[in-house]
Amino acid sequence: MILKEMTPGKQHRILATDLDIEIIAKAKKGVYTDNELKCVEGPRLSKYFTKGSDGTFAVHEDIKNLIEFKRHNLLKDSFETGFDLILCRNVVIYFTEEAKFELYTNFFRALKPGGILFVGATEAILNFRKIGYTSYQPFFYQRPLT
């Protein structure tokens, strides 16, 4: 929604992944409770969602169709490359330090030069320099341009 608003008419590819196929199926449906959308501002809610008779909200098809949903195991599956932005929040809190290092290294390789990795507040990357990142802002790490 934000990309559509900020860059009207431009094509974007959004890849949404999870290990859990039930979570992917729920996301593909694009139906949410008002509690799940409590942080979505009123104008965006009315512009991009339709309220159902059961009180849930369905995201409009033109938004849903912008997203490719895929099952992906972050620790076992190969990574695509060429991403401008990777969002990985509330995922690695249960990973070992070794697994975190491997994952963040894979994210680094998956990003374009200049690309950004955004992690959750409890998932700060303490050894980001060792991987090759620069700290862009708190919880944002950048793959350098060179």
C-alpha atoms as a PDB file:
ATOM      1  CA  MET A   1       0.000   0.000   0.000  1.00  0.00           C
ATOM      2  CA  ILE A   2       2.784   2.372   0.927  1.00  0.00           C
ATOM      3  CA  LEU A   3       4.771   1.538  -2.214  1.00  0.00           C
ATOM      4  CA  LYS A   4       1.665   2.081  -4.331  1.00  0.00           C
ATOM      5  CA  GLU A   5       1.145   5.482  -2.710  1.00  0.00           C
ATOM      6  CA  MET A   6       4.776   6.587  -2.840  1.00  0.00           C
ATOM      7  CA  THR A   7       5.580   5.323  -6.340  1.00  0.00           C
ATOM      8  CA  PRO A   8       2.346   5.344  -8.346  1.00  0.00           C
ATOM      9  CA  GLY A   9       2.513   3.488 -11.633  1.00  0.00           C
ATOM     10  CA  LYS A  10       5.797   1.744 -10.841  1.00  0.00           C
ATOM     11  CA  GLN A  11       6.144  -2.020 -10.733  1.00  0.00           C
ATOM     12  CA  HIS A  12       7.402  -3.655  -7.570  1.00  0.00           C
ATOM     13  CA  ARG A  13       7.946  -7.263  -6.655  1.00  0.00           C
ATOM     14  CA  ILE A  14       7.082  -8.226  -3.106  1.00  0.00           C
ATOM     15  CA  LEU A  15       8.029 -11.698  -1.945  1.00  0.00           C
ATOM     16  CA  ALA A  16       6.431 -12.829   1.322  1.00  0.00           C
ATOM     17  CA  THR A  17       7.769 -16.037   2.817  1.00  0.00           C
ATOM     18  CA  ASP A  18       7.186 -18.239   5.811  1.00  0.00           C
ATOM     19  CA  LEU A  19       7.973 -21.791   6.832  1.00  0.00           C
ATOM     20  CA  ASP A  20       4.394 -22.424   7.983  1.00  0.00           C
ATOM     21  CA  ILE A  21       2.067 -23.224   5.070  1.00  0.00           C
ATOM     22  CA  GLU A  22      -1.004 -22.359   7.171  1.00  0.00           C
ATOM     23  CA  ILE A  23       0.340 -18.850   7.755  1.00  0.00           C
ATOM     24  CA  ILE A  24       0.998 -18.491   4.019  1.00  0.00           C
ATOM     25  CA  ALA A  25      -2.562 -19.647   3.240  1.00  0.00           C
ATOM     26  CA  LYS A  26      -3.966 -17.093   5.697  1.00  0.00           C
ATOM     27  CA  ALA A  27      -1.860 -14.331   4.179  1.00  0.00           C
ATOM     28  CA  LYS A  28      -2.940 -15.294   0.653  1.00  0.00           C
ATOM     29  CA  LYS A  29      -6.584 -14.935   1.700  1.00  0.00           C
ATOM     30  CA  GLY A  30      -5.892 -11.375   2.820  1.00  0.00           C
ATOM     31  CA  VAL A  31      -8.651 -11.336   5.439  1.00  0.00           C
ATOM     32  CA  TYR A  32      -7.971  -9.710   8.799  1.00  0.00           C
ATOM     33  CA  THR A  33      -9.734  -8.865  12.032  1.00  0.00           C
ATOM     34  CA  ASP A  34      -9.962  -5.262  13.148  1.00  0.00           C
ATOM     35  CA  ASN A  35      -7.501  -6.139  15.922  1.00  0.00           C
ATOM     36  CA  GLU A  36      -4.955  -7.308  13.330  1.00  0.00           C
ATOM     37  CA  LEU A  37      -5.382  -3.985  11.513  1.00  0.00           C
ATOM     38  CA  LYS A  38      -5.391  -1.733  14.576  1.00  0.00           C
ATOM     39  CA  CYS A  39      -2.276   0.085  13.343  1.00  0.00           C
ATOM     40  CA  VAL A  40      -3.697   0.755   9.880  1.00  0.00           C
ATOM     41  CA  GLU A  41      -4.941   4.333   9.687  1.00  0.00           C
ATOM     42  CA  GLY A  42      -8.586   4.965   8.782  1.00  0.00           C
ATOM     43  CA  PRO A  43      -7.979   6.412   5.301  1.00  0.00           C
ATOM     44  CA  ARG A  44      -5.804   3.420   4.289  1.00  0.00           C
ATOM     45  CA  LEU A  45      -8.279   1.005   5.800  1.00  0.00           C
ATOM     46  CA  SER A  46     -11.164   2.415   3.767  1.00  0.00           C
ATOM     47  CA  LYS A  47      -9.065   2.751   0.602  1.00  0.00           C
ATOM     48  CA  TYR A  48      -7.544  -0.735   0.517  1.00  0.00           C
ATOM     49  CA  PHE A  49      -9.921  -2.976   2.490  1.00  0.00           C
ATOM     50  CA  THR A  50     -13.560  -4.021   2.293  1.00  0.00           C
ATOM     51  CA  LYS A  51     -15.397  -4.756   5.519  1.00  0.00           C
ATOM     52  CA  GLY A  52     -17.243  -8.059   5.497  1.00  0.00           C
ATOM     53  CA  SER A  53     -20.568  -8.857   7.144  1.00  0.00           C
ATOM     54  CA  ASP A  54     -18.663 -10.857   9.779  1.00  0.00           C
ATOM     55  CA  GLY A  55     -16.635  -7.777  10.800  1.00  0.00           C
ATOM     56  CA  THR A  56     -13.418  -8.875   9.094  1.00  0.00           C
ATOM     57  CA  PHE A  57     -11.592  -6.830   6.499  1.00  0.00           C
ATOM     58  CA  ALA A  58     -10.489  -8.173   3.099  1.00  0.00           C
ATOM     59  CA  VAL A  59      -7.610  -6.490   1.328  1.00  0.00           C
ATOM     60  CA  HIS A  60      -8.429  -5.452  -2.243  1.00  0.00           C
ATOM     61  CA  GLU A  61      -7.286  -7.813  -4.979  1.00  0.00           C
ATOM     62  CA  ASP A  62      -5.085  -5.199  -6.676  1.00  0.00           C
ATOM     63  CA  ILE A  63      -2.960  -5.049  -3.514  1.00  0.00           C
ATOM     64  CA  LYS A  64      -3.005  -8.785  -2.858  1.00  0.00           C
ATOM     65  CA  ASN A  65      -1.947  -9.506  -6.448  1.00  0.00           C
ATOM     66  CA  LEU A  66       1.257  -7.502  -5.954  1.00  0.00           C
ATOM     67  CA  ILE A  67       2.549 -10.088  -3.483  1.00  0.00           C
ATOM     68  CA  GLU A  68       4.084 -13.458  -4.254  1.00  0.00           C
ATOM     69  CA  PHE A  69       3.671 -15.876  -1.333  1.00  0.00           C
ATOM     70  CA  LYS A  70       6.140 -18.715  -0.942  1.00  0.00           C
ATOM     71  CA  ARG A  71       7.132 -21.330   1.594  1.00  0.00           C
ATOM     72  CA  HIS A  72      10.770 -20.839   2.522  1.00  0.00           C
ATOM     73  CA  ASN A  73      13.004 -22.346   5.171  1.00  0.00           C
ATOM     74  CA  LEU A  74      15.480 -19.632   6.109  1.00  0.00           C
ATOM     75  CA  LEU A  75      18.025 -22.140   7.397  1.00  0.00           C
ATOM     76  CA  LYS A  76      17.865 -24.730   4.612  1.00  0.00           C
ATOM     77  CA  ASP A  77      16.571 -23.227   1.359  1.00  0.00           C
ATOM     78  CA  SER A  78      18.599 -21.184  -1.105  1.00  0.00           C
ATOM     79  CA  PHE A  79      18.009 -17.449  -1.372  1.00  0.00           C
ATOM     80  CA  GLU A  80      17.068 -15.353  -4.349  1.00  0.00           C
ATOM     81  CA  THR A  81      19.200 -12.277  -4.960  1.00  0.00           C
ATOM     82  CA  GLY A  82      18.748  -8.675  -6.029  1.00  0.00           C
ATOM     83  CA  PHE A  83      16.556  -7.418  -3.193  1.00  0.00           C
ATOM     84  CA  ASP A  84      16.381  -3.717  -2.337  1.00  0.00           C
ATOM     85  CA  LEU A  85      14.840  -4.422   1.050  1.00  0.00           C
ATOM     86  CA  ILE A  86      14.513  -7.461   3.308  1.00  0.00           C
ATOM     87  CA  LEU A  87      12.259  -7.313   6.360  1.00  0.00           C
ATOM     88  CA  CYS A  88      12.900 -10.030   8.922  1.00  0.00           C
ATOM     89  CA  ARG A  89      11.221  -9.291  12.218  1.00  0.00           C
ATOM     90  CA  ASN A  90      10.532 -11.553  15.183  1.00  0.00           C
ATOM     91  CA  VAL A  91      12.042 -14.567  13.487  1.00  0.00           C
ATOM     92  CA  VAL A  92      15.551 -15.187  14.803  1.00  0.00           C
ATOM     93  CA  ILE A  93      14.895 -14.845  18.527  1.00  0.00           C
ATOM     94  CA  TYR A  94      14.996 -18.635  18.883  1.00  0.00           C
ATOM     95  CA  PHE A  95      17.976 -19.201  16.568  1.00  0.00           C
ATOM     96  CA  THR A  96      21.463 -20.036  17.796  1.00  0.00           C
ATOM     97  CA  GLU A  97      24.157 -17.403  17.281  1.00  0.00           C
ATOM     98  CA  GLU A  98      25.672 -19.597  14.564  1.00  0.00           C
ATOM     99  CA  ALA A  99      22.327 -19.852  12.733  1.00  0.00           C
ATOM    100  CA  LYS A 100      21.783 -16.082  13.042  1.00  0.00           C
ATOM    101  CA  PHE A 101      25.208 -15.398  11.553  1.00  0.00           C
ATOM    102  CA  GLU A 102      24.506 -17.752   8.634  1.00  0.00           C
ATOM    103  CA  LEU A 103      21.073 -16.208   8.041  1.00  0.00           C
ATOM    104  CA  TYR A 104      22.312 -12.608   8.154  1.00  0.00           C
ATOM    105  CA  THR A 105      25.147 -13.570   5.798  1.00  0.00           C
ATOM    106  CA  ASN A 106      22.614 -15.080   3.386  1.00  0.00           C
ATOM    107  CA  PHE A 107      20.528 -11.908   3.611  1.00  0.00           C
ATOM    108  CA  PHE A 108      23.656  -9.864   2.861  1.00  0.00           C
ATOM    109  CA  ARG A 109      24.263 -11.904  -0.310  1.00  0.00           C
ATOM    110  CA  ALA A 110      20.568 -11.596  -1.277  1.00  0.00           C
ATOM    111  CA  LEU A 111      20.607  -7.791  -1.104  1.00  0.00           C
ATOM    112  CA  LYS A 112      21.634  -5.561  -3.978  1.00  0.00           C
ATOM    113  CA  PRO A 113      24.526  -3.221  -3.208  1.00  0.00           C
ATOM    114  CA  GLY A 114      22.903  -0.418  -1.228  1.00  0.00           C
ATOM    115  CA  GLY A 115      20.080  -2.738  -0.126  1.00  0.00           C
ATOM    116  CA  ILE A 116      18.671  -2.616   3.390  1.00  0.00           C
ATOM    117  CA  LEU A 117      17.958  -5.324   5.967  1.00  0.00           C
ATOM    118  CA  PHE A 118      15.426  -4.412   8.661  1.00  0.00           C
ATOM    119  CA  VAL A 119      15.240  -6.595  11.776  1.00  0.00           C
ATOM    120  CA  GLY A 120      13.104  -6.510  14.914  1.00  0.00           C
ATOM    121  CA  ALA A 121      13.999  -4.487  17.994  1.00  0.00           C
ATOM    122  CA  THR A 122      15.089  -7.610  19.890  1.00  0.00           C
ATOM    123  CA  GLU A 123      17.184  -8.851  16.974  1.00  0.00           C
ATOM    124  CA  ALA A 124      19.958  -6.277  16.676  1.00  0.00           C
ATOM    125  CA  ILE A 125      22.960  -7.630  14.760  1.00  0.00           C
ATOM    126  CA  LEU A 126      25.913  -7.103  17.046  1.00  0.00           C
ATOM    127  CA  ASN A 127      28.510  -8.424  14.580  1.00  0.00           C
ATOM    128  CA  PHE A 128      27.093  -6.621  11.527  1.00  0.00           C
ATOM    129  CA  ARG A 129      30.533  -5.328  10.452  1.00  0.00           C
ATOM    130  CA  LYS A 130      31.954  -8.863  10.365  1.00  0.00           C
ATOM    131  CA  ILE A 131      29.282  -9.811   7.815  1.00  0.00           C
ATOM    132  CA  GLY A 132      29.892  -6.650   5.771  1.00  0.00           C
ATOM    133  CA  TYR A 133      26.919  -4.465   6.708  1.00  0.00           C
ATOM    134  CA  THR A 134      27.025  -0.856   7.744  1.00  0.00           C
ATOM    135  CA  SER A 135      24.553   0.367  10.340  1.00  0.00           C
ATOM    136  CA  TYR A 136      22.032   2.541   8.559  1.00  0.00           C
ATOM    137  CA  GLN A 137      19.780   3.339  11.529  1.00  0.00           C
ATOM    138  CA  PRO A 138      18.823   1.318  14.604  1.00  0.00           C
ATOM    139  CA  PHE A 139      17.733  -2.131  13.371  1.00  0.00           C
ATOM    140  CA  PHE A 140      18.454  -1.166   9.731  1.00  0.00           C
ATOM    141  CA  TYR A 141      21.604  -2.566   8.141  1.00  0.00           C
ATOM    142  CA  GLN A 142      22.875  -1.712   4.685  1.00  0.00           C
ATOM    143  CA  ARG A 143      24.926  -3.641   2.194  1.00  0.00           C
ATOM    144  CA  PRO A 144      27.493  -1.088   1.022  1.00  0.00           C
ATOM    145  CA  LEU A 145      27.361   0.124  -2.581  1.00  0.00           C
ATOM    146  CA  THR A 146      30.816  -1.329  -3.298  1.00  0.00           C
END
